[in-house]
């Protein structure tokens, strides 16, 4: 990841020994820090969520039945269940839910706290 939009992307004040690549003006940490839907923001939210969700760190692992290119499992600890559903396809798909719930984190960072029941539509990728 490039740090900023400078000539050597913030890696050095000297001459970089590897090329920094194209699109450095748009694709760098400095720009992504300001974007609430950037990949950097998603990673930070996922790390924070993992730190604050004991079921993800120490809960039981139970595969969850799904179809197509959805990979899903449930983590349970102390009466709390977290369903992790990942759509690996390049098109949206749905996964059935074991009961009502709430989306805690989504890849596009657009559905936090959304209440869901029956099934949930997953974005591609």
Protein backbone atom coordinates (compact mmCIF):
# COMPACT_ATOMS: atom_id res chain seq x y z
CA UNK A 1 0.00 0.00 0.00
CA UNK A 2 1.27 3.42 -0.87
CA UNK A 3 1.28 5.97 1.96
CA UNK A 4 0.56 9.15 0.03
CA UNK A 5 0.49 10.67 -3.46
CA UNK A 6 4.08 11.93 -3.42
CA UNK A 7 6.57 10.89 -6.12
CA UNK A 8 7.74 7.82 -4.19
CA UNK A 9 4.41 7.23 -2.42
CA UNK A 10 5.82 8.11 1.00
CA UNK A 11 8.24 5.17 1.13
CA UNK A 12 11.43 7.19 0.97
CA UNK A 13 12.88 10.68 0.59
CA UNK A 14 15.50 9.12 -1.68
CA UNK A 15 14.93 7.14 -4.85
CA UNK A 16 12.64 4.11 -4.56
CA UNK A 17 14.19 0.91 -5.90
CA UNK A 18 10.81 -0.48 -7.05
CA UNK A 19 8.15 1.33 -9.09
CA UNK A 20 5.18 2.57 -7.03
CA UNK A 21 2.68 1.75 -9.78
CA UNK A 22 -0.13 3.64 -11.43
CA UNK A 23 -2.98 5.60 -9.84
CA UNK A 24 -0.96 6.58 -6.76
CA UNK A 25 -2.91 9.86 -6.55
CA UNK A 26 -6.12 7.94 -5.78
CA UNK A 27 -4.88 4.69 -4.26
CA UNK A 28 -2.94 5.46 -1.09
CA UNK A 29 -3.41 5.39 2.67
CA UNK A 30 -3.80 9.15 2.98
CA UNK A 31 -6.79 9.12 0.57
CA UNK A 32 -8.33 5.93 1.98
CA UNK A 33 -8.22 7.27 5.57
CA UNK A 34 -10.72 9.95 4.50
CA UNK A 35 -13.04 7.54 2.63
CA UNK A 36 -15.63 5.93 4.94
CA UNK A 37 -16.13 3.09 2.43
CA UNK A 38 -12.51 2.37 1.52
CA UNK A 39 -10.78 -1.00 1.82
CA UNK A 40 -8.64 0.46 4.62
CA UNK A 41 -11.80 1.43 6.54
CA UNK A 42 -13.25 -2.06 6.02
CA UNK A 43 -10.09 -3.73 7.35
CA UNK A 44 -10.07 -1.46 10.39
CA UNK A 45 -13.74 -2.18 11.11
CA UNK A 46 -13.20 -5.93 10.72
CA UNK A 47 -10.20 -5.86 13.07
CA UNK A 48 -12.12 -3.81 15.65
CA UNK A 49 -15.13 -6.12 15.36
CA UNK A 50 -12.93 -9.20 15.83
CA UNK A 51 -11.29 -7.66 18.92
CA UNK A 52 -14.69 -6.91 20.47
CA UNK A 53 -16.46 -10.17 19.59
CA UNK A 54 -15.34 -13.00 21.91
CA UNK A 55 -17.41 -15.50 19.91
CA UNK A 56 -15.17 -14.89 16.88
CA UNK A 57 -12.01 -15.47 18.89
CA UNK A 58 -13.00 -18.30 21.21
CA UNK A 59 -16.44 -19.53 20.18
CA UNK A 60 -17.34 -22.89 18.75
CA UNK A 61 -17.12 -23.25 14.99
CA UNK A 62 -20.12 -24.69 13.19
CA UNK A 63 -20.33 -24.94 9.39
CA UNK A 64 -23.54 -23.32 8.13
CA UNK A 65 -25.48 -24.80 5.23
CA UNK A 66 -25.39 -22.58 2.18
CA UNK A 67 -25.53 -22.97 -1.58
CA UNK A 68 -23.77 -21.65 -4.65
CA UNK A 69 -20.56 -19.82 -3.91
CA UNK A 70 -21.51 -18.74 -0.39
CA UNK A 71 -19.17 -19.82 2.37
CA UNK A 72 -20.81 -19.57 5.80
CA UNK A 73 -20.20 -20.63 9.37
CA UNK A 74 -21.54 -19.81 12.81
CA UNK A 75 -19.48 -18.94 15.89
CA UNK A 76 -21.14 -19.40 19.30
CA UNK A 77 -20.08 -18.42 22.80
CA UNK A 78 -22.03 -17.71 26.00
CA UNK A 79 -25.41 -17.64 24.27
CA UNK A 80 -24.25 -15.30 21.51
CA UNK A 81 -24.18 -16.45 17.88
CA UNK A 82 -22.48 -14.76 14.97
CA UNK A 83 -23.13 -15.94 11.44
CA UNK A 84 -20.31 -15.17 9.01
CA UNK A 85 -21.47 -15.36 5.38
CA UNK A 86 -19.14 -14.67 2.47
CA UNK A 87 -20.31 -14.50 -1.12
CA UNK A 88 -17.39 -15.57 -3.31
CA UNK A 89 -19.33 -15.15 -6.57
CA UNK A 90 -19.23 -12.17 -8.89
CA UNK A 91 -23.02 -11.77 -8.61
CA UNK A 92 -25.23 -11.15 -5.59
CA UNK A 93 -26.83 -14.11 -3.83
CA UNK A 94 -28.95 -14.92 -0.78
CA UNK A 95 -28.31 -16.99 2.30
CA UNK A 96 -31.06 -18.30 4.56
CA UNK A 97 -30.88 -17.28 8.20
CA UNK A 98 -31.51 -19.44 11.27
CA UNK A 99 -33.64 -16.68 12.78
CA UNK A 100 -33.94 -12.91 12.96
CA UNK A 101 -30.74 -10.96 13.36
CA UNK A 102 -28.79 -7.85 12.62
CA UNK A 103 -25.98 -7.18 10.16
CA UNK A 104 -22.96 -6.14 12.15
CA UNK A 105 -20.41 -5.58 9.37
CA UNK A 106 -20.77 -5.72 5.59
CA UNK A 107 -18.09 -5.62 2.92
CA UNK A 108 -19.46 -2.44 1.37
CA UNK A 109 -19.85 -0.80 4.81
CA UNK A 110 -23.41 0.14 3.89
CA UNK A 111 -25.63 -2.10 6.01
CA UNK A 112 -24.43 -1.98 9.64
CA UNK A 113 -27.27 -2.43 12.14
CA UNK A 114 -29.74 -3.45 9.39
CA UNK A 115 -32.31 -5.90 10.81
CA UNK A 116 -32.73 -9.10 8.78
CA UNK A 117 -35.05 -12.10 8.93
CA UNK A 118 -35.59 -15.19 6.79
CA UNK A 119 -32.71 -14.56 4.40
CA UNK A 120 -30.22 -11.87 3.56
CA UNK A 121 -29.00 -10.73 0.15
CA UNK A 122 -25.21 -10.63 -0.08
CA UNK A 123 -23.27 -8.32 -2.37
CA UNK A 124 -20.93 -9.97 -4.90
CA UNK A 125 -17.39 -10.71 -3.74
